[in-house]
């Protein structure tokens, strides 16, 4: 696999129906690996387009039932916990100090240059 093939494999998921246009089009037509990959994306796109017609409505209360069955991990706390405040505040102080240090170092380097 060369660089052009790698670029095409990166670009293909972003192309809606797998149709490559522009400078890569001739490569896809001549390269067996890229051509088969583009064909797979085209067929997947056609299948997904066919699924648009199948519309299913979720039953009433599904969200509530799922969150209830997942347990307390998925349910937000009603009261903010006070024991989280100190580590969060400490992290904010450290982050602010680090950012300030970076700014000061950049200013120092600019003046020294």
PDB file of N, CA and C in Angstrom:
ATOM      1  N   UNK A   1       0.866  -1.180   0.000  1.00  0.00           N
ATOM      2  CA  UNK A   1       0.000   0.000   0.000  1.00  0.00           C
ATOM      3  C   UNK A   1       0.908   1.237   0.000  1.00  0.00           C
ATOM      4  N   UNK A   2       0.658   2.115  -0.950  1.00  0.00           N
ATOM      5  CA  UNK A   2       1.472   3.322  -1.038  1.00  0.00           C
ATOM      6  C   UNK A   2       0.769   4.502  -0.378  1.00  0.00           C
ATOM      7  N   UNK A   3       1.349   5.657  -0.483  1.00  0.00           N
ATOM      8  CA  UNK A   3       0.828   6.846   0.183  1.00  0.00           C
ATOM      9  C   UNK A   3      -0.536   7.240  -0.383  1.00  0.00           C
ATOM     10  N   UNK A   4      -0.696   7.106  -1.694  1.00  0.00           N
ATOM     11  CA  UNK A   4      -1.980   7.466  -2.310  1.00  0.00           C
ATOM     12  C   UNK A   4      -3.077   6.530  -1.813  1.00  0.00           C
ATOM     13  N   UNK A   5      -2.786   5.239  -1.740  1.00  0.00           N
ATOM     14  CA  UNK A   5      -3.768   4.284  -1.212  1.00  0.00           C
ATOM     15  C   UNK A   5      -4.138   4.629   0.230  1.00  0.00           C
ATOM     16  N   UNK A   6      -3.144   4.966   1.028  1.00  0.00           N
ATOM     17  CA  UNK A   6      -3.410   5.341   2.424  1.00  0.00           C
ATOM     18  C   UNK A   6      -4.298   6.579   2.486  1.00  0.00           C
ATOM     19  N   UNK A   7      -4.029   7.551   1.650  1.00  0.00           N
ATOM     20  CA  UNK A   7      -4.844   8.769   1.636  1.00  0.00           C
ATOM     21  C   UNK A   7      -6.275   8.452   1.224  1.00  0.00           C
ATOM     22  N   UNK A   8      -6.443   7.580   0.263  1.00  0.00           N
ATOM     23  CA  UNK A   8      -7.793   7.224  -0.187  1.00  0.00           C
ATOM     24  C   UNK A   8      -8.540   6.474   0.913  1.00  0.00           C
ATOM     25  N   UNK A   9      -7.858   5.598   1.616  1.00  0.00           N
ATOM     26  CA  UNK A   9      -8.510   4.868   2.710  1.00  0.00           C
ATOM     27  C   UNK A   9      -8.903   5.793   3.853  1.00  0.00           C
ATOM     28  N   UNK A  10      -8.189   6.904   3.996  1.00  0.00           N
ATOM     29  CA  UNK A  10      -8.564   7.898   5.002  1.00  0.00           C
ATOM     30  C   UNK A  10      -9.744   8.728   4.515  1.00  0.00           C
ATOM     31  N   UNK A  11      -9.770   9.035   3.222  1.00  0.00           N
ATOM     32  CA  UNK A  11     -10.805   9.909   2.661  1.00  0.00           C
ATOM     33  C   UNK A  11     -12.129   9.181   2.454  1.00  0.00           C
ATOM     34  N   UNK A  12     -12.100   7.901   2.126  1.00  0.00           N
ATOM     35  CA  UNK A  12     -13.328   7.171   1.783  1.00  0.00           C
ATOM     36  C   UNK A  12     -14.438   7.268   2.831  1.00  0.00           C
ATOM     37  N   UNK A  13     -14.159   7.139   4.127  1.00  0.00           N
ATOM     38  CA  UNK A  13     -15.258   7.247   5.094  1.00  0.00           C
ATOM     39  C   UNK A  13     -15.926   8.617   5.104  1.00  0.00           C
ATOM     40  N   UNK A  14     -15.230   9.646   4.651  1.00  0.00           N
ATOM     41  CA  UNK A  14     -15.828  10.978   4.654  1.00  0.00           C
ATOM     42  C   UNK A  14     -16.639  11.251   3.401  1.00  0.00           C
ATOM     43  N   UNK A  15     -16.475  10.423   2.370  1.00  0.00           N
ATOM     44  CA  UNK A  15     -17.232  10.588   1.131  1.00  0.00           C
ATOM     45  C   UNK A  15     -18.534   9.833   1.292  1.00  0.00           C
ATOM     46  N   UNK A  16     -19.647  10.511   1.069  1.00  0.00           N
ATOM     47  CA  UNK A  16     -20.952   9.922   1.328  1.00  0.00           C
ATOM     48  C   UNK A  16     -21.197   8.601   0.634  1.00  0.00           C
ATOM     49  N   UNK A  17     -21.157   8.568  -0.683  1.00  0.00           N
ATOM     50  CA  UNK A  17     -21.517   7.345  -1.391  1.00  0.00           C
ATOM     51  C   UNK A  17     -20.308   6.583  -1.909  1.00  0.00           C
ATOM     52  N   UNK A  18     -19.129   6.944  -1.491  1.00  0.00           N
ATOM     53  CA  UNK A  18     -17.934   6.235  -1.911  1.00  0.00           C
ATOM     54  C   UNK A  18     -17.434   6.640  -3.280  1.00  0.00           C
ATOM     55  N   UNK A  19     -17.963   7.727  -3.833  1.00  0.00           N
ATOM     56  CA  UNK A  19     -17.530   8.194  -5.138  1.00  0.00           C
ATOM     57  C   UNK A  19     -16.367   9.155  -4.962  1.00  0.00           C
ATOM     58  N   UNK A  20     -15.241   8.785  -5.505  1.00  0.00           N
ATOM     59  CA  UNK A  20     -14.038   9.616  -5.419  1.00  0.00           C
ATOM     60  C   UNK A  20     -13.962  10.466  -6.683  1.00  0.00           C
ATOM     61  N   UNK A  21     -13.800  11.760  -6.509  1.00  0.00           N
ATOM     62  CA  UNK A  21     -13.627  12.662  -7.644  1.00  0.00           C
ATOM     63  C   UNK A  21     -12.337  13.441  -7.442  1.00  0.00           C
ATOM     64  N   UNK A  22     -11.843  14.012  -8.506  1.00  0.00           N
ATOM     65  CA  UNK A  22     -10.637  14.812  -8.401  1.00  0.00           C
ATOM     66  C   UNK A  22      -9.402  13.999  -8.715  1.00  0.00           C
ATOM     67  N   UNK A  23      -8.291  14.358  -8.086  1.00  0.00           N
ATOM     68  CA  UNK A  23      -7.019  13.724  -8.446  1.00  0.00           C
ATOM     69  C   UNK A  23      -6.939  12.239  -8.093  1.00  0.00           C
ATOM     70  N   UNK A  24      -7.717  11.772  -7.146  1.00  0.00           N
ATOM     71  CA  UNK A  24      -7.658  10.367  -6.742  1.00  0.00           C
ATOM     72  C   UNK A  24      -8.518   9.459  -7.611  1.00  0.00           C
ATOM     73  N   UNK A  25      -9.354  10.031  -8.452  1.00  0.00           N
ATOM     74  CA  UNK A  25     -10.298   9.235  -9.249  1.00  0.00           C
ATOM     75  C   UNK A  25      -9.574   8.253 -10.172  1.00  0.00           C
ATOM     76  N   UNK A  26      -8.531   8.703 -10.843  1.00  0.00           N
ATOM     77  CA  UNK A  26      -7.814   7.810 -11.758  1.00  0.00           C
ATOM     78  C   UNK A  26      -7.095   6.707 -10.993  1.00  0.00           C
ATOM     79  N   UNK A  27      -6.612   7.021  -9.791  1.00  0.00           N
ATOM     80  CA  UNK A  27      -5.947   5.988  -8.991  1.00  0.00           C
ATOM     81  C   UNK A  27      -6.934   4.910  -8.580  1.00  0.00           C
ATOM     82  N   UNK A  28      -8.139   5.316  -8.156  1.00  0.00           N
ATOM     83  CA  UNK A  28      -9.149   4.343  -7.721  1.00  0.00           C
ATOM     84  C   UNK A  28      -9.541   3.448  -8.895  1.00  0.00           C
ATOM     85  N   UNK A  29      -9.604   3.999 -10.100  1.00  0.00           N
ATOM     86  CA  UNK A  29      -9.956   3.193 -11.273  1.00  0.00           C
ATOM     87  C   UNK A  29      -8.865   2.185 -11.621  1.00  0.00           C
ATOM     88  N   UNK A  30      -7.604   2.517 -11.346  1.00  0.00           N
ATOM     89  CA  UNK A  30      -6.509   1.628 -11.730  1.00  0.00           C
ATOM     90  C   UNK A  30      -6.051   0.694 -10.606  1.00  0.00           C
ATOM     91  N   UNK A  31      -6.292   1.052  -9.358  1.00  0.00           N
ATOM     92  CA  UNK A  31      -5.819   0.248  -8.216  1.00  0.00           C
ATOM     93  C   UNK A  31      -6.918  -0.720  -7.779  1.00  0.00           C
ATOM     94  N   UNK A  32      -6.605  -2.003  -7.764  1.00  0.00           N
ATOM     95  CA  UNK A  32      -7.593  -3.030  -7.410  1.00  0.00           C
ATOM     96  C   UNK A  32      -8.025  -2.885  -5.954  1.00  0.00           C
ATOM     97  N   UNK A  33      -7.076  -2.670  -5.068  1.00  0.00           N
ATOM     98  CA  UNK A  33      -7.381  -2.570  -3.635  1.00  0.00           C
ATOM     99  C   UNK A  33      -8.288  -1.362  -3.345  1.00  0.00           C
ATOM    100  N   UNK A  34      -7.954  -0.203  -3.909  1.00  0.00           N
ATOM    101  CA  UNK A  34      -8.755   1.004  -3.665  1.00  0.00           C
ATOM    102  C   UNK A  34     -10.120   0.900  -4.351  1.00  0.00           C
ATOM    103  N   UNK A  35     -10.148   0.285  -5.516  1.00  0.00           N
ATOM    104  CA  UNK A  35     -11.413   0.117  -6.231  1.00  0.00           C
ATOM    105  C   UNK A  35     -12.363  -0.775  -5.444  1.00  0.00           C
ATOM    106  N   UNK A  36     -11.851  -1.872  -4.896  1.00  0.00           N
ATOM    107  CA  UNK A  36     -12.724  -2.764  -4.117  1.00  0.00           C
ATOM    108  C   UNK A  36     -13.184  -2.087  -2.826  1.00  0.00           C
ATOM    109  N   UNK A  37     -12.308  -1.304  -2.224  1.00  0.00           N
ATOM    110  CA  UNK A  37     -12.696  -0.565  -1.006  1.00  0.00           C
ATOM    111  C   UNK A  37     -13.784   0.462  -1.320  1.00  0.00           C
ATOM    112  N   UNK A  38     -13.640   1.165  -2.445  1.00  0.00           N
ATOM    113  CA  UNK A  38     -14.665   2.138  -2.854  1.00  0.00           C
ATOM    114  C   UNK A  38     -15.980   1.433  -3.164  1.00  0.00           C
ATOM    115  N   UNK A  39     -15.911   0.245  -3.776  1.00  0.00           N
ATOM    116  CA  UNK A  39     -17.132  -0.518  -4.050  1.00  0.00           C
ATOM    117  C   UNK A  39     -17.823  -0.929  -2.758  1.00  0.00           C
ATOM    118  N   UNK A  40     -17.032  -1.324  -1.754  1.00  0.00           N
ATOM    119  CA  UNK A  40     -17.635  -1.682  -0.458  1.00  0.00           C
ATOM    120  C   UNK A  40     -18.346  -0.485   0.171  1.00  0.00           C
ATOM    121  N   UNK A  41     -17.736   0.691   0.085  1.00  0.00           N
ATOM    122  CA  UNK A  41     -18.382   1.882   0.633  1.00  0.00           C
ATOM    123  C   UNK A  41     -19.647   2.241  -0.143  1.00  0.00           C
ATOM    124  N   UNK A  42     -19.617   2.073  -1.474  1.00  0.00           N
ATOM    125  CA  UNK A  42     -20.816   2.345  -2.269  1.00  0.00           C
ATOM    126  C   UNK A  42     -21.956   1.413  -1.886  1.00  0.00           C
ATOM    127  N   UNK A  43     -21.659   0.123  -1.747  1.00  0.00           N
ATOM    128  CA  UNK A  43     -22.719  -0.826  -1.388  1.00  0.00           C
ATOM    129  C   UNK A  43     -23.227  -0.564   0.033  1.00  0.00           C
ATOM    130  N   UNK A  44     -22.323  -0.220   0.958  1.00  0.00           N
ATOM    131  CA  UNK A  44     -22.760   0.097   2.316  1.00  0.00           C
ATOM    132  C   UNK A  44     -23.654   1.338   2.318  1.00  0.00           C
ATOM    133  N   UNK A  45     -23.299   2.315   1.500  1.00  0.00           N
ATOM    134  CA  UNK A  45     -24.108   3.533   1.420  1.00  0.00           C
ATOM    135  C   UNK A  45     -25.500   3.227   0.868  1.00  0.00           C
ATOM    136  N   UNK A  46     -25.570   2.360  -0.161  1.00  0.00           N
ATOM    137  CA  UNK A  46     -26.878   1.972  -0.709  1.00  0.00           C
ATOM    138  C   UNK A  46     -27.725   1.258   0.339  1.00  0.00           C
ATOM    139  N   UNK A  47     -27.103   0.347   1.097  1.00  0.00           N
ATOM    140  CA  UNK A  47     -27.836  -0.378   2.140  1.00  0.00           C
ATOM    141  C   UNK A  47     -28.333   0.567   3.231  1.00  0.00           C
ATOM    142  N   UNK A  48     -27.502   1.515   3.618  1.00  0.00           N
ATOM    143  CA  UNK A  48     -27.913   2.477   4.645  1.00  0.00           C
ATOM    144  C   UNK A  48     -29.036   3.372   4.140  1.00  0.00           C
ATOM    145  N   UNK A  49     -28.982   3.750   2.856  1.00  0.00           N
ATOM    146  CA  UNK A  49     -30.076   4.544   2.272  1.00  0.00           C
ATOM    147  C   UNK A  49     -31.376   3.766   2.315  1.00  0.00           C
ATOM    148  N   UNK A  50     -31.311   2.463   2.096  1.00  0.00           N
ATOM    149  CA  UNK A  50     -32.513   1.629   2.160  1.00  0.00           C
ATOM    150  C   UNK A  50     -33.086   1.545   3.560  1.00  0.00           C
ATOM    151  N   UNK A  51     -32.244   1.680   4.562  1.00  0.00           N
ATOM    152  CA  UNK A  51     -32.724   1.623   5.952  1.00  0.00           C
ATOM    153  C   UNK A  51     -33.472   2.881   6.364  1.00  0.00           C
ATOM    154  N   UNK A  52     -33.297   3.976   5.608  1.00  0.00           N
ATOM    155  CA  UNK A  52     -33.992   5.217   5.959  1.00  0.00           C
ATOM    156  C   UNK A  52     -35.501   5.033   5.935  1.00  0.00           C
ATOM    157  N   UNK A  53     -35.976   4.130   5.082  1.00  0.00           N
ATOM    158  CA  UNK A  53     -37.420   3.923   4.953  1.00  0.00           C
ATOM    159  C   UNK A  53     -37.995   3.151   6.130  1.00  0.00           C
ATOM    160  N   UNK A  54     -37.153   2.440   6.844  1.00  0.00           N
ATOM    161  CA  UNK A  54     -37.611   1.689   8.011  1.00  0.00           C
ATOM    162  C   UNK A  54     -37.559   2.600   9.235  1.00  0.00           C
ATOM    163  N   UNK A  55     -38.696   3.100   9.617  1.00  0.00           N
ATOM    164  CA  UNK A  55     -38.749   4.000  10.758  1.00  0.00           C
ATOM    165  C   UNK A  55     -39.458   3.289  11.896  1.00  0.00           C
ATOM    166  N   UNK A  56     -38.824   3.242  13.020  1.00  0.00           N
ATOM    167  CA  UNK A  56     -39.408   2.588  14.177  1.00  0.00           C
ATOM    168  C   UNK A  56     -39.448   3.593  15.324  1.00  0.00           C
ATOM    169  N   UNK A  57     -40.580   3.657  15.988  1.00  0.00           N
ATOM    170  CA  UNK A  57     -40.752   4.588  17.097  1.00  0.00           C
ATOM    171  C   UNK A  57     -40.483   3.843  18.400  1.00  0.00           C
ATOM    172  N   UNK A  58     -39.669   4.450  19.229  1.00  0.00           N
ATOM    173  CA  UNK A  58     -39.345   3.844  20.517  1.00  0.00           C
ATOM    174  C   UNK A  58     -40.583   3.851  21.417  1.00  0.00           C
ATOM    175  N   UNK A  59     -40.772   2.783  22.175  1.00  0.00           N
ATOM    176  CA  UNK A  59     -41.930   2.745  23.074  1.00  0.00           C
ATOM    177  C   UNK A  59     -41.852   3.820  24.145  1.00  0.00           C
ATOM    178  N   UNK A  60     -43.004   4.189  24.641  1.00  0.00           N
ATOM    179  CA  UNK A  60     -43.074   5.200  25.690  1.00  0.00           C
ATOM    180  C   UNK A  60     -42.349   4.741  26.944  1.00  0.00           C
ATOM    181  N   UNK A  61     -41.600   5.631  27.533  1.00  0.00           N
ATOM    182  CA  UNK A  61     -40.914   5.323  28.784  1.00  0.00           C
ATOM    183  C   UNK A  61     -39.656   4.497  28.619  1.00  0.00           C
ATOM    184  N   UNK A  62     -39.186   4.311  27.404  1.00  0.00           N
ATOM    185  CA  UNK A  62     -37.999   3.492  27.187  1.00  0.00           C
ATOM    186  C   UNK A  62     -36.773   4.088  27.874  1.00  0.00           C
ATOM    187  N   UNK A  63     -36.602   5.385  27.741  1.00  0.00           N
ATOM    188  CA  UNK A  63     -35.441   6.036  28.359  1.00  0.00           C
ATOM    189  C   UNK A  63     -35.453   5.850  29.868  1.00  0.00           C
ATOM    190  N   UNK A  64     -36.602   6.071  30.478  1.00  0.00           N
ATOM    191  CA  UNK A  64     -36.715   5.920  31.929  1.00  0.00           C
ATOM    192  C   UNK A  64     -36.428   4.483  32.344  1.00  0.00           C
ATOM    193  N   UNK A  65     -36.964   3.503  31.595  1.00  0.00           N
ATOM    194  CA  UNK A  65     -36.743   2.098  31.927  1.00  0.00           C
ATOM    195  C   UNK A  65     -35.271   1.706  31.804  1.00  0.00           C
ATOM    196  N   UNK A  66     -34.618   2.176  30.757  1.00  0.00           N
ATOM    197  CA  UNK A  66     -33.207   1.844  30.563  1.00  0.00           C
ATOM    198  C   UNK A  66     -32.364   2.441  31.676  1.00  0.00           C
ATOM    199  N   UNK A  67     -32.592   3.715  31.985  1.00  0.00           N
ATOM    200  CA  UNK A  67     -31.810   4.348  33.045  1.00  0.00           C
ATOM    201  C   UNK A  67     -32.075   3.708  34.400  1.00  0.00           C
ATOM    202  N   UNK A  68     -33.290   3.262  34.640  1.00  0.00           N
ATOM    203  CA  UNK A  68     -33.612   2.597  35.892  1.00  0.00           C
ATOM    204  C   UNK A  68     -32.892   1.263  36.001  1.00  0.00           C
ATOM    205  N   UNK A  69     -32.859   0.510  34.907  1.00  0.00           N
ATOM    206  CA  UNK A  69     -32.208  -0.801  34.920  1.00  0.00           C
ATOM    207  C   UNK A  69     -30.686  -0.690  35.003  1.00  0.00           C
ATOM    208  N   UNK A  70     -30.127   0.408  34.494  1.00  0.00           N
ATOM    209  CA  UNK A  70     -28.677   0.576  34.569  1.00  0.00           C
ATOM    210  C   UNK A  70     -28.217   0.811  35.997  1.00  0.00           C
ATOM    211  N   UNK A  71     -29.078   1.322  36.811  1.00  0.00           N
ATOM    212  CA  UNK A  71     -28.734   1.496  38.213  1.00  0.00           C
ATOM    213  C   UNK A  71     -28.276   2.898  38.536  1.00  0.00           C
ATOM    214  N   UNK A  72     -27.778   3.085  39.748  1.00  0.00           N
ATOM    215  CA  UNK A  72     -27.442   4.417  40.221  1.00  0.00           C
ATOM    216  C   UNK A  72     -26.251   5.052  39.505  1.00  0.00           C
ATOM    217  N   UNK A  73     -25.465   4.288  38.792  1.00  0.00           N
ATOM    218  CA  UNK A  73     -24.322   4.866  38.092  1.00  0.00           C
ATOM    219  C   UNK A  73     -24.792   5.803  36.987  1.00  0.00           C
ATOM    220  N   UNK A  74     -25.910   5.465  36.347  1.00  0.00           N
ATOM    221  CA  UNK A  74     -26.396   6.256  35.221  1.00  0.00           C
ATOM    222  C   UNK A  74     -27.292   7.405  35.657  1.00  0.00           C
ATOM    223  N   UNK A  75     -27.636   7.457  36.916  1.00  0.00           N
ATOM    224  CA  UNK A  75     -28.528   8.505  37.398  1.00  0.00           C
ATOM    225  C   UNK A  75     -27.687   9.624  38.009  1.00  0.00           C
ATOM    226  N   UNK A  76     -27.966  10.841  37.614  1.00  0.00           N
ATOM    227  CA  UNK A  76     -27.213  11.984  38.128  1.00  0.00           C
ATOM    228  C   UNK A  76     -27.517  12.200  39.601  1.00  0.00           C
ATOM    229  N   UNK A  77     -26.501  12.628  40.329  1.00  0.00           N
ATOM    230  CA  UNK A  77     -26.694  12.933  41.745  1.00  0.00           C
ATOM    231  C   UNK A  77     -27.579  14.159  41.888  1.00  0.00           C
ATOM    232  N   UNK A  78     -28.501  14.096  42.819  1.00  0.00           N
ATOM    233  CA  UNK A  78     -29.383  15.229  43.059  1.00  0.00           C
ATOM    234  C   UNK A  78     -28.649  16.365  43.777  1.00  0.00           C
ATOM    235  N   UNK A  79     -27.775  16.017  44.714  1.00  0.00           N
ATOM    236  CA  UNK A  79     -27.042  17.009  45.485  1.00  0.00           C
ATOM    237  C   UNK A  79     -25.570  16.988  45.068  1.00  0.00           C
ATOM    238  N   UNK A  80     -24.982  18.156  44.904  1.00  0.00           N
ATOM    239  CA  UNK A  80     -23.545  18.166  44.607  1.00  0.00           C
ATOM    240  C   UNK A  80     -22.775  17.675  45.829  1.00  0.00           C
ATOM    241  N   UNK A  81     -21.802  16.840  45.596  1.00  0.00           N
ATOM    242  CA  UNK A  81     -21.028  16.293  46.706  1.00  0.00           C
ATOM    243  C   UNK A  81     -19.927  17.263  47.082  1.00  0.00           C
ATOM    244  N   UNK A  82     -19.813  17.540  48.368  1.00  0.00           N
ATOM    245  CA  UNK A  82     -18.836  18.504  48.857  1.00  0.00           C
ATOM    246  C   UNK A  82     -17.413  17.935  48.839  1.00  0.00           C
ATOM    247  N   UNK A  83     -17.272  16.618  48.891  1.00  0.00           N
ATOM    248  CA  UNK A  83     -15.933  16.064  48.940  1.00  0.00           C
ATOM    249  C   UNK A  83     -15.220  16.160  47.593  1.00  0.00           C
ATOM    250  N   UNK A  84     -15.934  16.532  46.522  1.00  0.00           N
ATOM    251  CA  UNK A  84     -15.303  16.730  45.217  1.00  0.00           C
ATOM    252  C   UNK A  84     -14.738  18.134  45.059  1.00  0.00           C
ATOM    253  N   UNK A  85     -15.166  19.052  45.883  1.00  0.00           N
ATOM    254  CA  UNK A  85     -14.790  20.447  45.694  1.00  0.00           C
ATOM    255  C   UNK A  85     -13.308  20.700  45.906  1.00  0.00           C
ATOM    256  N   UNK A  86     -12.710  20.077  46.898  1.00  0.00           N
ATOM    257  CA  UNK A  86     -11.303  20.331  47.203  1.00  0.00           C
ATOM    258  C   UNK A  86     -10.391  19.814  46.085  1.00  0.00           C
ATOM    259  N   UNK A  87     -10.546  18.564  45.598  1.00  0.00           N
ATOM    260  CA  UNK A  87      -9.679  18.127  44.493  1.00  0.00           C
ATOM    261  C   UNK A  87      -9.895  18.939  43.207  1.00  0.00           C
ATOM    262  N   UNK A  88     -11.121  19.339  42.946  1.00  0.00           N
ATOM    263  CA  UNK A  88     -11.388  20.139  41.751  1.00  0.00           C
ATOM    264  C   UNK A  88     -10.740  21.509  41.885  1.00  0.00           C
ATOM    265  N   UNK A  89     -10.832  22.109  43.042  1.00  0.00           N
ATOM    266  CA  UNK A  89     -10.211  23.410  43.264  1.00  0.00           C
ATOM    267  C   UNK A  89      -8.686  23.298  43.158  1.00  0.00           C
ATOM    268  N   UNK A  90      -8.120  22.240  43.706  1.00  0.00           N
ATOM    269  CA  UNK A  90      -6.671  22.048  43.624  1.00  0.00           C
ATOM    270  C   UNK A  90      -6.232  21.869  42.176  1.00  0.00           C
ATOM    271  N   UNK A  91      -6.996  21.115  41.408  1.00  0.00           N
ATOM    272  CA  UNK A  91      -6.665  20.914  39.990  1.00  0.00           C
ATOM    273  C   UNK A  91      -6.752  22.233  39.226  1.00  0.00           C
ATOM    274  N   UNK A  92      -7.732  23.056  39.561  1.00  0.00           N
ATOM    275  CA  UNK A  92      -7.869  24.353  38.894  1.00  0.00           C
ATOM    276  C   UNK A  92      -6.684  25.258  39.216  1.00  0.00           C
ATOM    277  N   UNK A  93      -6.222  25.231  40.455  1.00  0.00           N
ATOM    278  CA  UNK A  93      -5.067  26.043  40.853  1.00  0.00           C
ATOM    279  C   UNK A  93      -3.813  25.579  40.116  1.00  0.00           C
ATOM    280  N   UNK A  94      -3.600  24.277  40.042  1.00  0.00           N
ATOM    281  CA  UNK A  94      -2.425  23.737  39.352  1.00  0.00           C
ATOM    282  C   UNK A  94      -2.480  24.080  37.869  1.00  0.00           C
ATOM    283  N   UNK A  95      -3.656  23.937  37.238  1.00  0.00           N
ATOM    284  CA  UNK A  95      -3.795  24.248  35.811  1.00  0.00           C
ATOM    285  C   UNK A  95      -3.535  25.726  35.548  1.00  0.00           C
ATOM    286  N   UNK A  96      -4.044  26.591  36.430  1.00  0.00           N
ATOM    287  CA  UNK A  96      -3.822  28.025  36.274  1.00  0.00           C
ATOM    288  C   UNK A  96      -2.343  28.370  36.432  1.00  0.00           C
ATOM    289  N   UNK A  97      -1.689  27.754  37.391  1.00  0.00           N
ATOM    290  CA  UNK A  97      -0.264  28.006  37.600  1.00  0.00           C
ATOM    291  C   UNK A  97       0.547  27.526  36.397  1.00  0.00           C
ATOM    292  N   UNK A  98       0.202  26.384  35.864  1.00  0.00           N
ATOM    293  CA  UNK A  98       0.926  25.865  34.701  1.00  0.00           C
ATOM    294  C   UNK A  98       0.731  26.768  33.490  1.00  0.00           C
ATOM    295  N   UNK A  99      -0.491  27.210  33.272  1.00  0.00           N
ATOM    296  CA  UNK A  99      -0.759  28.103  32.146  1.00  0.00           C
ATOM    297  C   UNK A  99      -0.020  29.429  32.324  1.00  0.00           C
ATOM    298  N   UNK A 100      -0.009  29.955  33.522  1.00  0.00           N
ATOM    299  CA  UNK A 100       0.709  31.198  33.798  1.00  0.00           C
ATOM    300  C   UNK A 100       2.196  31.039  33.576  1.00  0.00           C
ATOM    301  N   UNK A 101       2.746  29.905  33.957  1.00  0.00           N
ATOM    302  CA  UNK A 101       4.170  29.643  33.746  1.00  0.00           C
ATOM    303  C   UNK A 101       4.500  29.608  32.263  1.00  0.00           C
ATOM    304  N   UNK A 102       3.655  28.972  31.475  1.00  0.00           N
ATOM    305  CA  UNK A 102       3.881  28.902  30.025  1.00  0.00           C
ATOM    306  C   UNK A 102       3.853  30.300  29.420  1.00  0.00           C
ATOM    307  N   UNK A 103       2.885  31.102  29.822  1.00  0.00           N
ATOM    308  CA  UNK A 103       2.785  32.468  29.300  1.00  0.00           C
ATOM    309  C   UNK A 103       4.014  33.272  29.670  1.00  0.00           C
ATOM    310  N   UNK A 104       4.438  33.179  30.925  1.00  0.00           N
ATOM    311  CA  UNK A 104       5.621  33.916  31.364  1.00  0.00           C
ATOM    312  C   UNK A 104       6.885  33.464  30.637  1.00  0.00           C
ATOM    313  N   UNK A 105       7.045  32.163  30.410  1.00  0.00           N
ATOM    314  CA  UNK A 105       8.203  31.669  29.680  1.00  0.00           C
ATOM    315  C   UNK A 105       8.219  32.164  28.241  1.00  0.00           C
ATOM    316  N   UNK A 106       7.080  32.205  27.606  1.00  0.00           N
ATOM    317  CA  UNK A 106       7.014  32.710  26.231  1.00  0.00           C
ATOM    318  C   UNK A 106       7.357  34.192  26.178  1.00  0.00           C
ATOM    319  N   UNK A 107       6.833  34.956  27.124  1.00  0.00           N
ATOM    320  CA  UNK A 107       7.162  36.380  27.162  1.00  0.00           C
ATOM    321  C   UNK A 107       8.657  36.581  27.396  1.00  0.00           C
ATOM    322  N   UNK A 108       9.223  35.794  28.284  1.00  0.00           N
ATOM    323  CA  UNK A 108      10.648  35.899  28.576  1.00  0.00           C
ATOM    324  C   UNK A 108      11.487  35.574  27.349  1.00  0.00           C
ATOM    325  N   UNK A 109      11.098  34.533  26.611  1.00  0.00           N
ATOM    326  CA  UNK A 109      11.842  34.134  25.415  1.00  0.00           C
ATOM    327  C   UNK A 109      11.728  35.200  24.322  1.00  0.00           C
ATOM    328  N   UNK A 110      10.557  35.795  24.189  1.00  0.00           N
ATOM    329  CA  UNK A 110      10.380  36.834  23.183  1.00  0.00           C
ATOM    330  C   UNK A 110      11.246  38.055  23.479  1.00  0.00           C
ATOM    331  N   UNK A 111      11.313  38.423  24.749  1.00  0.00           N
ATOM    332  CA  UNK A 111      12.134  39.584  25.125  1.00  0.00           C
ATOM    333  C   UNK A 111      13.616  39.280  25.011  1.00  0.00           C
ATOM    334  N   UNK A 112      14.003  38.038  25.283  1.00  0.00           N
ATOM    335  CA  UNK A 112      15.417  37.670  25.205  1.00  0.00           C
ATOM    336  C   UNK A 112      15.888  37.579  23.765  1.00  0.00           C
ATOM    337  N   UNK A 113      14.978  37.313  22.847  1.00  0.00           N
ATOM    338  CA  UNK A 113      15.363  37.154  21.436  1.00  0.00           C
ATOM    339  C   UNK A 113      15.485  38.449  20.745  1.00  0.00           C
TER     340      UNK A 113
END
